Amino acid sequence: MIADQRLNEILQIMSQKEFVEVEDLAARMKVSSMTIRRDLQKLSDMGMVRRQYGGASLVTDAQLENDYSSKKVKNQTNKQKLAQIALKQIHKNDIIYLDAGTTIFELASILNSRQNLTVITNDILIATDLCKRDINTILLGGTIQKATLVTIGSSTLDSLQDFRVTSSFLGASAISTAFDVLSPTVDKAHLKKIAIQIAQKTYLMVDSSKFNNYALQKFANLSDFTGVITDRKFSQAERSKLDSLYINILDTV
């Protein structure tokens, strides 16, 4: 089992238990205790697990989610550049789904230049901003997550499944070295999967800080998207891998 797969499996195991022991993980994965300790330290450095004597515990969903206001100012200039590229994929009369998050918010803020749009979203701040600018907006119902001001849960999933859209624009918490696209919570991963299924075209919007990182739940691979909008400067090796997987990069560099 390669390192990326092992880290993801550790997170999956930890999502089912409050505490996991090093020896138990080593036995399950048939690797040494030292290897597991290094893996747990790597996940701890990423803020995803908390090291404890003899093992570790998973950081909770609430702890994994950064406060919206703190995320909004991070890499904002780069996010605005991504939004300009995304805007080129949107046309008059389109029906689009906008994922929650600060990168997608930058796209929402410049949609006035497109006529007769219908926008579906679970992000309360995005929906409020669109309504102020007289853009036809559908806010998905559900339980409100206070830290990020989004709707989430079974009602949100059920509502989104019934729609069909021209394009979905999604964000992500992390992209692994295998180009898997990851979310910090299971509920959000499920919602993003549905957003992909209901769309004719799908676009992922991620700044360079999201690459070579980990989060709890995989919901897609870069190869699943019509286009990946990013400011990352890929290495030659990464470019070769992207080409071999027919991944379409729409970049700012």
Protein backbone atom coordinates (compact mmCIF):
# COMPACT_ATOMS: atom_id res chain seq x y z
CA MET A 1 0.00 0.00 0.00
CA ILE A 2 1.46 3.36 -1.04
CA ALA A 3 1.69 6.28 1.40
CA ASP A 4 -1.28 8.22 -0.04
CA GLN A 5 -3.59 5.22 0.19
CA ARG A 6 -2.40 4.47 3.71
CA LEU A 7 -3.08 8.01 4.94
CA ASN A 8 -6.58 7.96 3.47
CA GLU A 9 -7.29 4.57 5.01
CA ILE A 10 -6.09 5.80 8.41
CA LEU A 11 -8.55 8.69 8.18
CA GLN A 12 -11.37 6.33 7.22
CA ILE A 13 -10.63 4.05 10.20
CA MET A 14 -10.41 7.01 12.56
CA SER A 15 -13.77 8.34 11.37
CA GLN A 16 -15.35 5.20 12.89
CA LYS A 17 -13.53 5.28 16.25
CA GLU A 18 -12.86 8.00 18.82
CA PHE A 19 -9.29 6.75 19.36
CA VAL A 20 -6.99 4.41 17.43
CA GLU A 21 -3.84 2.76 18.70
CA VAL A 22 -0.60 2.69 16.75
CA GLU A 23 -0.25 -1.08 17.11
CA ASP A 24 -3.79 -1.70 15.88
CA LEU A 25 -3.23 0.42 12.76
CA ALA A 26 0.10 -1.27 12.10
CA ALA A 27 -1.51 -4.72 12.29
CA ARG A 28 -4.41 -3.73 10.01
CA MET A 29 -2.13 -2.27 7.35
CA LYS A 30 0.70 -4.76 7.73
CA VAL A 31 3.36 -2.11 8.22
CA SER A 32 5.68 -1.26 11.11
CA SER A 33 4.66 0.80 14.13
CA MET A 34 7.31 3.34 13.15
CA THR A 35 5.65 3.80 9.74
CA ILE A 36 2.28 4.42 11.40
CA ARG A 37 3.82 6.92 13.83
CA ARG A 38 5.28 8.84 10.88
CA ASP A 39 1.89 8.77 9.13
CA LEU A 40 0.11 10.04 12.23
CA GLN A 41 2.67 12.80 12.65
CA LYS A 42 2.12 13.86 9.03
CA LEU A 43 -1.65 13.98 9.57
CA SER A 44 -1.11 15.86 12.83
CA ASP A 45 1.05 18.43 11.04
CA MET A 46 -1.85 18.95 8.62
CA GLY A 47 -4.20 19.55 11.56
CA MET A 48 -6.32 16.48 10.83
CA VAL A 49 -5.53 14.29 13.85
CA ARG A 50 -4.50 14.87 17.43
CA ARG A 51 -1.61 12.75 18.70
CA GLN A 52 -2.14 11.07 22.05
CA TYR A 53 -0.15 8.54 24.05
CA GLY A 54 -0.15 5.26 22.13
CA GLY A 55 -2.22 6.52 19.24
CA ALA A 56 -4.33 9.40 17.96
CA SER A 57 -7.84 10.77 17.60
CA LEU A 58 -9.49 12.43 14.63
CA VAL A 59 -10.07 16.16 14.75
CA THR A 60 -13.85 16.67 14.72
CA ASP A 61 -15.83 18.02 11.77
CA ALA A 62 -16.32 21.34 13.55
CA GLN A 63 -12.59 21.64 14.18
CA LEU A 64 -11.77 20.68 10.60
CA GLU A 65 -13.91 23.49 9.21
CA ASN A 66 -12.15 26.86 9.37
CA ASP A 67 -14.19 29.93 10.23
CA TYR A 68 -15.59 31.50 7.05
CA SER A 69 -14.17 34.96 7.71
CA SER A 70 -10.65 33.64 8.14
CA LYS A 71 -10.82 31.64 4.90
CA LYS A 72 -12.23 34.54 2.89
CA VAL A 73 -9.10 36.68 3.13
CA LYS A 74 -6.67 33.83 2.46
CA ASN A 75 -5.26 33.92 -1.11
CA GLN A 76 -8.09 36.27 -2.11
CA THR A 77 -6.28 37.78 -5.12
CA ASN A 78 -5.62 34.33 -6.55
CA LYS A 79 -9.23 33.32 -5.94
CA GLN A 80 -10.39 36.36 -7.91
CA LYS A 81 -8.24 35.26 -10.85
CA LEU A 82 -9.79 31.81 -10.71
CA ALA A 83 -13.23 33.40 -10.73
CA GLN A 84 -12.46 35.28 -13.96
CA ILE A 85 -11.53 32.01 -15.68
CA ALA A 86 -14.67 30.31 -14.35
CA LEU A 87 -16.85 33.16 -15.58
CA LYS A 88 -15.79 32.38 -19.17
CA GLN A 89 -17.47 28.98 -18.82
CA ILE A 90 -20.86 30.55 -18.00
CA HIS A 91 -23.30 31.81 -20.64
CA LYS A 92 -26.66 33.54 -20.96
CA ASN A 93 -29.62 31.46 -19.72
CA ASP A 94 -27.39 28.91 -17.94
CA ILE A 95 -28.57 27.09 -14.83
CA ILE A 96 -25.57 26.62 -12.55
CA TYR A 97 -24.78 25.09 -9.19
CA LEU A 98 -22.35 26.99 -6.96
CA ASP A 99 -20.69 25.05 -4.19
CA ALA A 100 -20.13 26.67 -0.81
CA GLY A 101 -16.88 28.44 -0.03
CA THR A 102 -14.83 31.58 -0.41
CA THR A 103 -13.36 30.71 -3.82
CA ILE A 104 -16.83 30.15 -5.26
CA PHE A 105 -18.02 33.36 -3.58
CA GLU A 106 -15.57 35.31 -5.76
CA LEU A 107 -17.26 33.81 -8.84
CA ALA A 108 -20.73 34.62 -7.52
CA SER A 109 -19.73 38.25 -7.01
CA ILE A 110 -19.08 38.80 -10.75
CA LEU A 111 -22.07 37.00 -12.28
CA ASN A 112 -23.91 40.22 -13.18
CA SER A 113 -22.30 40.18 -16.62
CA ARG A 114 -24.27 37.05 -17.54
CA GLN A 115 -27.96 37.53 -18.37
CA ASN A 116 -30.89 35.43 -17.17
CA LEU A 117 -28.93 33.05 -14.97
CA THR A 118 -30.44 30.68 -12.43
CA VAL A 119 -28.11 29.80 -9.55
CA ILE A 120 -28.55 26.94 -7.09
CA THR A 121 -26.41 26.91 -3.96
CA ASN A 122 -26.23 25.74 -0.34
CA ASP A 123 -24.12 28.75 0.69
CA ILE A 124 -26.24 31.31 2.55
CA LEU A 125 -23.79 34.17 2.00
CA ILE A 126 -23.59 33.48 -1.73
CA ALA A 127 -27.39 33.29 -1.98
CA THR A 128 -27.81 36.56 -0.08
CA ASP A 129 -25.27 38.33 -2.28
CA LEU A 130 -26.92 37.08 -5.49
CA CYS A 131 -30.38 38.16 -4.36
CA LYS A 132 -29.12 41.68 -3.67
CA ARG A 133 -28.05 41.83 -7.31
CA ASP A 134 -31.37 40.50 -8.63
CA ILE A 135 -30.00 37.16 -9.85
CA ASN A 136 -32.51 34.29 -9.80
CA THR A 137 -31.36 32.19 -6.84
CA ILE A 138 -32.40 28.89 -5.27
CA LEU A 139 -31.07 28.19 -1.77
CA LEU A 140 -31.10 24.52 -0.81
CA GLY A 141 -32.81 23.75 2.49
CA GLY A 142 -31.27 21.82 5.34
CA THR A 143 -29.48 22.23 8.63
CA ILE A 144 -27.37 25.38 8.88
CA GLN A 145 -23.72 24.86 9.81
CA LYS A 146 -23.01 27.91 11.94
CA ALA A 147 -19.24 28.14 11.39
CA THR A 148 -19.49 28.32 7.59
CA LEU A 149 -23.11 29.43 7.04
CA VAL A 150 -24.04 26.62 4.66
CA THR A 151 -26.96 24.21 4.60
CA ILE A 152 -26.12 20.55 4.97
CA GLY A 153 -27.77 17.22 5.74
CA SER A 154 -30.25 14.79 4.21
CA SER A 155 -32.73 17.51 3.21
CA THR A 156 -30.02 19.33 1.28
CA LEU A 157 -28.98 16.16 -0.51
CA ASP A 158 -32.57 15.27 -1.41
CA SER A 159 -33.26 18.77 -2.76
CA LEU A 160 -30.20 18.89 -4.99
CA GLN A 161 -30.83 15.46 -6.52
CA ASP A 162 -34.00 16.70 -8.23
CA PHE A 163 -32.28 19.51 -10.15
CA ARG A 164 -30.50 19.42 -13.50
CA VAL A 165 -27.94 22.12 -14.27
CA THR A 166 -25.78 23.32 -17.13
CA SER A 167 -22.64 23.47 -14.99
CA SER A 168 -21.52 22.85 -11.44
CA PHE A 169 -18.65 24.81 -9.90
CA LEU A 170 -17.09 23.07 -6.92
CA GLY A 171 -14.38 23.75 -4.39
CA ALA A 172 -12.30 21.31 -2.34
CA SER A 173 -10.39 21.20 0.92
CA ALA A 174 -7.48 19.21 -0.47
CA ILE A 175 -6.03 17.46 -3.52
CA SER A 176 -3.86 14.42 -2.87
CA THR A 177 -0.70 13.55 -4.81
CA ALA A 178 -2.83 11.00 -6.69
CA PHE A 179 -5.13 13.89 -7.76
CA ASP A 180 -7.99 12.66 -5.58
CA VAL A 181 -10.30 15.53 -4.58
CA LEU A 182 -11.13 15.61 -0.89
CA SER A 183 -13.63 17.13 1.54
CA PRO A 184 -13.36 17.50 5.34
CA THR A 185 -16.74 15.90 6.08
CA VAL A 186 -18.80 13.00 4.76
CA ASP A 187 -21.95 15.11 4.32
CA LYS A 188 -20.16 17.68 2.18
CA ALA A 189 -18.51 14.96 0.08
CA HIS A 190 -21.94 13.43 -0.65
CA LEU A 191 -23.34 16.81 -1.67
CA LYS A 192 -20.44 17.44 -4.04
CA LYS A 193 -20.90 14.00 -5.63
CA ILE A 194 -24.53 14.82 -6.36
CA ALA A 195 -23.54 18.21 -7.80
CA ILE A 196 -21.28 16.37 -10.25
CA GLN A 197 -24.02 13.89 -11.20
CA ILE A 198 -26.68 16.51 -12.00
CA ALA A 199 -24.46 18.68 -14.23
CA GLN A 200 -23.74 18.59 -17.94
CA LYS A 201 -20.31 20.09 -17.20
CA THR A 202 -18.35 20.28 -13.95
CA TYR A 203 -15.53 22.60 -12.93
CA LEU A 204 -13.28 22.42 -9.90
CA MET A 205 -11.91 25.72 -8.55
CA VAL A 206 -8.86 25.29 -6.30
CA ASP A 207 -5.90 27.50 -5.51
CA SER A 208 -2.39 26.07 -5.23
CA SER A 209 -2.51 25.75 -1.43
CA LYS A 210 -4.94 22.82 -1.72
CA PHE A 211 -2.52 20.49 -3.54
CA ASN A 212 -0.54 17.68 -1.88
CA ASN A 213 -2.83 17.79 1.13
CA TYR A 214 -5.32 15.47 2.76
CA ALA A 215 -8.88 15.58 4.07
CA LEU A 216 -11.23 12.93 5.37
CA GLN A 217 -13.41 12.02 2.39
CA LYS A 218 -12.73 11.56 -1.32
CA PHE A 219 -15.54 12.71 -3.60
CA ALA A 220 -13.85 12.75 -7.03
CA ASN A 221 -10.61 12.72 -8.98
CA LEU A 222 -9.37 15.60 -11.11
CA SER A 223 -10.08 13.41 -14.15
CA ASP A 224 -13.82 13.52 -13.32
CA PHE A 225 -14.12 17.23 -14.14
CA THR A 226 -14.71 19.02 -17.42
CA GLY A 227 -12.04 21.48 -16.32
CA VAL A 228 -9.84 22.20 -13.31
CA ILE A 229 -9.40 25.92 -12.65
CA THR A 230 -6.25 26.58 -10.64
CA ASP A 231 -3.20 28.78 -10.19
CA ARG A 232 -0.89 25.88 -9.36
CA LYS A 233 2.40 25.67 -11.22
CA PHE A 234 2.70 21.97 -11.97
CA SER A 235 6.04 20.21 -12.24
CA GLN A 236 6.96 18.48 -15.48
CA ALA A 237 6.25 15.11 -13.87
CA GLU A 238 2.83 16.32 -12.73
CA ARG A 239 2.09 17.70 -16.20
CA SER A 240 2.90 14.32 -17.74
CA LYS A 241 0.58 12.59 -15.28
CA LEU A 242 -2.19 15.11 -15.94
CA ASP A 243 -1.85 14.56 -19.69
CA SER A 244 -1.93 10.78 -19.29
CA LEU A 245 -5.22 11.07 -17.37
CA TYR A 246 -6.67 13.59 -19.88
CA ILE A 247 -7.16 16.17 -17.13
CA ASN A 248 -8.06 19.58 -18.56
CA ILE A 249 -6.28 22.34 -16.63
CA LEU A 250 -7.57 25.91 -17.00
CA ASP A 251 -4.84 27.85 -15.22
CA THR A 252 -3.87 31.43 -14.45
CA VAL A 253 -0.15 30.91 -15.11
